[in-house]
Amino acid sequence: MFRYQYTAMIATSQKDENGDIISQSQTAFLCDYQPNVKDLAISVGGSSIPISFILLVPKSCIVSFDTGSDITCNGSTGTVVLAVPYKFGKIIYVKG
């Protein structure tokens, strides 16, 4: 069994000097998909946000996980709430 067996897609965009989106594309990356996070909510900026799924990505992943980016993995779609670095890579918390 391989640790990072799922392929996820994240929407990445390029913006001009005014902050307007010039172009948008999808970037694929390998991850470990954790959909069983029933009743998990995290506190971000004083608000409690329910989490739909968690992605674990390896250190070798060079994708930028900006808050508000759209992610799709294994049929689930959501928005990045928080990206936390840890010993083996990053933990990405996604709300549905």
N, C-alpha and C. Protein backbone atom coordinates (compact mmCIF):
# COMPACT_ATOMS: atom_id res chain seq x y z
N MET A 1 0.84 -1.17 0.00
CA MET A 1 0.00 0.00 0.00
C MET A 1 0.89 1.24 0.00
N PHE A 2 0.60 2.15 -0.88
CA PHE A 2 1.36 3.38 -0.98
C PHE A 2 0.71 4.47 -0.14
N ARG A 3 1.51 5.29 0.47
CA ARG A 3 1.00 6.34 1.35
C ARG A 3 0.21 7.38 0.58
N TYR A 4 0.76 7.92 -0.50
CA TYR A 4 0.10 9.00 -1.24
C TYR A 4 -0.49 8.43 -2.53
N GLN A 5 -1.64 7.79 -2.41
CA GLN A 5 -2.21 7.07 -3.54
C GLN A 5 -3.31 7.81 -4.28
N TYR A 6 -3.72 8.96 -3.80
CA TYR A 6 -4.77 9.72 -4.47
C TYR A 6 -4.17 10.89 -5.25
N THR A 7 -4.82 11.24 -6.34
CA THR A 7 -4.44 12.42 -7.11
C THR A 7 -5.53 13.46 -6.92
N ALA A 8 -5.15 14.61 -6.45
CA ALA A 8 -6.09 15.70 -6.23
C ALA A 8 -5.78 16.83 -7.20
N MET A 9 -6.75 17.72 -7.40
CA MET A 9 -6.58 18.87 -8.28
C MET A 9 -6.86 20.14 -7.48
N ILE A 10 -6.02 21.14 -7.69
CA ILE A 10 -6.22 22.43 -7.05
C ILE A 10 -6.28 23.50 -8.14
N ALA A 11 -7.22 24.42 -8.00
CA ALA A 11 -7.35 25.52 -8.95
C ALA A 11 -6.31 26.58 -8.59
N THR A 12 -5.45 26.90 -9.55
CA THR A 12 -4.45 27.94 -9.34
C THR A 12 -4.74 29.07 -10.31
N SER A 13 -4.49 30.30 -9.88
CA SER A 13 -4.79 31.43 -10.75
C SER A 13 -3.64 32.44 -10.71
N GLN A 14 -3.50 33.15 -11.79
CA GLN A 14 -2.52 34.24 -11.88
C GLN A 14 -3.31 35.54 -11.88
N LYS A 15 -2.81 36.50 -11.11
CA LYS A 15 -3.51 37.78 -10.99
C LYS A 15 -2.61 38.91 -11.48
N ASP A 16 -3.25 39.98 -11.96
CA ASP A 16 -2.48 41.15 -12.39
C ASP A 16 -2.23 42.06 -11.19
N GLU A 17 -1.63 43.22 -11.44
CA GLU A 17 -1.27 44.14 -10.36
C GLU A 17 -2.48 44.68 -9.59
N ASN A 18 -3.68 44.59 -10.18
CA ASN A 18 -4.90 45.06 -9.53
C ASN A 18 -5.60 43.95 -8.73
N GLY A 19 -5.07 42.73 -8.82
CA GLY A 19 -5.68 41.60 -8.13
C GLY A 19 -6.73 40.89 -8.95
N ASP A 20 -6.89 41.29 -10.21
CA ASP A 20 -7.85 40.63 -11.09
C ASP A 20 -7.23 39.35 -11.66
N ILE A 21 -8.05 38.31 -11.78
CA ILE A 21 -7.56 37.03 -12.30
C ILE A 21 -7.32 37.13 -13.81
N ILE A 22 -6.09 36.80 -14.22
CA ILE A 22 -5.72 36.82 -15.64
C ILE A 22 -6.00 35.45 -16.25
N SER A 23 -5.53 34.39 -15.56
CA SER A 23 -5.75 33.04 -16.05
C SER A 23 -5.90 32.09 -14.87
N GLN A 24 -6.59 30.99 -15.12
CA GLN A 24 -6.80 30.00 -14.08
C GLN A 24 -6.56 28.62 -14.67
N SER A 25 -5.90 27.76 -13.90
CA SER A 25 -5.62 26.40 -14.37
C SER A 25 -5.74 25.43 -13.21
N GLN A 26 -5.74 24.15 -13.53
CA GLN A 26 -5.80 23.08 -12.54
C GLN A 26 -4.41 22.44 -12.41
N THR A 27 -3.98 22.20 -11.19
CA THR A 27 -2.70 21.56 -10.94
C THR A 27 -2.96 20.28 -10.16
N ALA A 28 -2.38 19.17 -10.64
CA ALA A 28 -2.55 17.88 -9.97
C ALA A 28 -1.41 17.65 -8.97
N PHE A 29 -1.72 16.96 -7.87
CA PHE A 29 -0.71 16.59 -6.89
C PHE A 29 -1.13 15.32 -6.18
N LEU A 30 -0.16 14.58 -5.66
CA LEU A 30 -0.44 13.34 -4.93
C LEU A 30 -0.71 13.65 -3.47
N CYS A 31 -1.62 12.88 -2.88
CA CYS A 31 -1.98 13.12 -1.48
C CYS A 31 -2.55 11.86 -0.86
N ASP A 32 -2.73 11.93 0.44
CA ASP A 32 -3.43 10.90 1.20
C ASP A 32 -4.77 11.53 1.60
N TYR A 33 -5.85 10.95 1.12
CA TYR A 33 -7.20 11.50 1.30
C TYR A 33 -7.83 10.92 2.56
N GLN A 34 -8.29 11.78 3.47
CA GLN A 34 -8.90 11.37 4.73
C GLN A 34 -10.34 11.92 4.80
N PRO A 35 -11.33 11.16 4.31
CA PRO A 35 -12.71 11.66 4.30
C PRO A 35 -13.47 11.45 5.61
N ASN A 36 -12.95 10.63 6.50
CA ASN A 36 -13.67 10.27 7.72
C ASN A 36 -13.38 11.22 8.87
N VAL A 37 -13.77 12.47 8.71
CA VAL A 37 -13.55 13.48 9.76
C VAL A 37 -14.89 13.98 10.28
N LYS A 38 -15.73 13.06 10.64
CA LYS A 38 -17.07 13.39 11.14
C LYS A 38 -16.98 14.31 12.36
N ASP A 39 -17.78 15.34 12.37
CA ASP A 39 -17.91 16.27 13.48
C ASP A 39 -16.62 17.02 13.81
N LEU A 40 -15.71 17.14 12.83
CA LEU A 40 -14.48 17.90 13.07
C LEU A 40 -14.70 19.34 12.65
N ALA A 41 -14.35 20.25 13.52
CA ALA A 41 -14.41 21.68 13.21
C ALA A 41 -13.14 22.30 13.75
N ILE A 42 -12.57 23.25 13.00
CA ILE A 42 -11.38 23.93 13.46
C ILE A 42 -11.69 25.40 13.66
N SER A 43 -10.92 26.03 14.51
CA SER A 43 -11.12 27.45 14.78
C SER A 43 -10.12 28.26 13.97
N VAL A 44 -10.64 29.10 13.09
CA VAL A 44 -9.81 29.97 12.26
C VAL A 44 -10.33 31.39 12.42
N GLY A 45 -9.49 32.25 12.95
CA GLY A 45 -9.88 33.65 13.13
C GLY A 45 -11.07 33.83 14.05
N GLY A 46 -11.22 32.96 15.02
CA GLY A 46 -12.32 33.07 15.96
C GLY A 46 -13.61 32.42 15.51
N SER A 47 -13.63 31.87 14.28
CA SER A 47 -14.83 31.19 13.77
C SER A 47 -14.60 29.69 13.75
N SER A 48 -15.63 28.93 14.08
CA SER A 48 -15.57 27.48 14.02
C SER A 48 -16.02 27.04 12.63
N ILE A 49 -15.12 26.36 11.90
CA ILE A 49 -15.41 25.95 10.52
C ILE A 49 -15.46 24.43 10.44
N PRO A 50 -16.59 23.85 9.98
CA PRO A 50 -16.69 22.39 9.84
C PRO A 50 -15.83 21.92 8.67
N ILE A 51 -15.11 20.83 8.87
CA ILE A 51 -14.20 20.28 7.86
C ILE A 51 -14.85 19.09 7.18
N SER A 52 -14.76 19.04 5.85
CA SER A 52 -15.33 17.94 5.07
C SER A 52 -14.33 16.80 4.88
N PHE A 53 -13.07 17.16 4.60
CA PHE A 53 -12.03 16.15 4.47
C PHE A 53 -10.66 16.78 4.69
N ILE A 54 -9.68 15.92 4.92
CA ILE A 54 -8.30 16.34 5.15
C ILE A 54 -7.42 15.69 4.09
N LEU A 55 -6.44 16.43 3.59
CA LEU A 55 -5.44 15.89 2.69
C LEU A 55 -4.07 15.99 3.34
N LEU A 56 -3.31 14.92 3.24
CA LEU A 56 -1.93 14.92 3.70
C LEU A 56 -1.05 14.89 2.46
N VAL A 57 -0.17 15.86 2.33
CA VAL A 57 0.69 15.93 1.15
C VAL A 57 2.15 15.81 1.58
N PRO A 58 2.98 15.16 0.76
CA PRO A 58 4.37 14.96 1.12
C PRO A 58 5.19 16.24 1.00
N LYS A 59 6.37 16.25 1.62
CA LYS A 59 7.27 17.39 1.54
C LYS A 59 7.66 17.71 0.10
N SER A 60 7.69 16.71 -0.75
CA SER A 60 8.10 16.90 -2.14
C SER A 60 7.08 17.70 -2.96
N CYS A 61 5.88 17.90 -2.44
CA CYS A 61 4.83 18.65 -3.15
C CYS A 61 5.15 20.15 -3.08
N ILE A 62 5.23 20.80 -4.24
CA ILE A 62 5.59 22.22 -4.29
C ILE A 62 4.39 23.12 -4.58
N VAL A 63 3.20 22.57 -4.48
CA VAL A 63 1.98 23.33 -4.73
C VAL A 63 1.74 24.29 -3.56
N SER A 64 1.27 25.49 -3.88
CA SER A 64 0.94 26.47 -2.85
C SER A 64 -0.54 26.31 -2.48
N PHE A 65 -0.79 26.02 -1.21
CA PHE A 65 -2.16 25.80 -0.73
C PHE A 65 -2.67 27.07 -0.06
N ASP A 66 -3.15 27.98 -0.87
CA ASP A 66 -3.66 29.26 -0.36
C ASP A 66 -5.08 29.09 0.16
N THR A 67 -5.40 29.77 1.25
CA THR A 67 -6.75 29.75 1.80
C THR A 67 -7.73 30.25 0.74
N GLY A 68 -8.81 29.51 0.55
CA GLY A 68 -9.81 29.88 -0.44
C GLY A 68 -9.66 29.18 -1.77
N SER A 69 -8.56 28.45 -1.98
CA SER A 69 -8.37 27.71 -3.23
C SER A 69 -9.31 26.51 -3.27
N ASP A 70 -9.80 26.18 -4.46
CA ASP A 70 -10.70 25.05 -4.63
C ASP A 70 -9.90 23.78 -4.88
N ILE A 71 -10.30 22.69 -4.19
CA ILE A 71 -9.63 21.39 -4.32
C ILE A 71 -10.67 20.33 -4.61
N THR A 72 -10.29 19.38 -5.49
CA THR A 72 -11.12 18.22 -5.79
C THR A 72 -10.28 16.97 -5.60
N CYS A 73 -10.82 16.00 -4.85
CA CYS A 73 -10.12 14.73 -4.64
C CYS A 73 -11.13 13.61 -4.45
N ASN A 74 -10.99 12.57 -5.22
CA ASN A 74 -11.82 11.37 -5.10
C ASN A 74 -13.31 11.68 -5.12
N GLY A 75 -13.71 12.62 -5.96
CA GLY A 75 -15.12 12.98 -6.09
C GLY A 75 -15.61 14.02 -5.09
N SER A 76 -14.78 14.40 -4.15
CA SER A 76 -15.15 15.42 -3.16
C SER A 76 -14.54 16.76 -3.57
N THR A 77 -15.31 17.82 -3.41
CA THR A 77 -14.83 19.16 -3.76
C THR A 77 -15.00 20.07 -2.55
N GLY A 78 -14.02 20.94 -2.37
CA GLY A 78 -14.09 21.86 -1.25
C GLY A 78 -13.12 23.02 -1.38
N THR A 79 -13.01 23.80 -0.33
CA THR A 79 -12.18 24.99 -0.30
C THR A 79 -11.16 24.87 0.82
N VAL A 80 -9.92 25.23 0.54
CA VAL A 80 -8.86 25.18 1.55
C VAL A 80 -9.17 26.16 2.66
N VAL A 81 -9.17 25.66 3.89
CA VAL A 81 -9.40 26.49 5.07
C VAL A 81 -8.08 26.79 5.76
N LEU A 82 -7.23 25.76 5.84
CA LEU A 82 -5.97 25.90 6.57
C LEU A 82 -4.97 24.88 6.05
N ALA A 83 -3.72 25.29 5.89
CA ALA A 83 -2.63 24.39 5.51
C ALA A 83 -1.58 24.47 6.62
N VAL A 84 -1.31 23.33 7.24
CA VAL A 84 -0.40 23.29 8.38
C VAL A 84 0.80 22.39 8.05
N PRO A 85 2.02 22.94 8.12
CA PRO A 85 3.19 22.09 7.90
C PRO A 85 3.41 21.15 9.09
N TYR A 86 3.88 19.95 8.78
CA TYR A 86 4.25 19.01 9.84
C TYR A 86 5.46 18.22 9.36
N LYS A 87 5.95 17.33 10.16
CA LYS A 87 7.21 16.63 9.91
C LYS A 87 7.33 16.01 8.52
N PHE A 88 6.25 15.44 8.01
CA PHE A 88 6.32 14.71 6.74
C PHE A 88 5.76 15.49 5.55
N GLY A 89 5.30 16.70 5.74
CA GLY A 89 4.74 17.48 4.63
C GLY A 89 3.78 18.54 5.13
N LYS A 90 2.53 18.49 4.62
CA LYS A 90 1.50 19.45 5.03
C LYS A 90 0.18 18.73 5.25
N ILE A 91 -0.61 19.27 6.18
CA ILE A 91 -1.97 18.82 6.41
C ILE A 91 -2.87 19.93 5.86
N ILE A 92 -3.76 19.57 4.94
CA ILE A 92 -4.65 20.54 4.31
C ILE A 92 -6.07 20.26 4.80
N TYR A 93 -6.66 21.25 5.49
CA TYR A 93 -8.04 21.14 5.98
C TYR A 93 -8.96 21.78 4.93
N VAL A 94 -9.98 21.02 4.51
CA VAL A 94 -10.87 21.45 3.42
C VAL A 94 -12.32 21.41 3.90
N LYS A 95 -13.03 22.53 3.64
CA LYS A 95 -14.47 22.55 3.95
C LYS A 95 -15.25 22.32 2.67
N GLY A 96 -16.42 21.70 2.81
CA GLY A 96 -17.23 21.36 1.65
C GLY A 96 -18.13 22.45 1.19
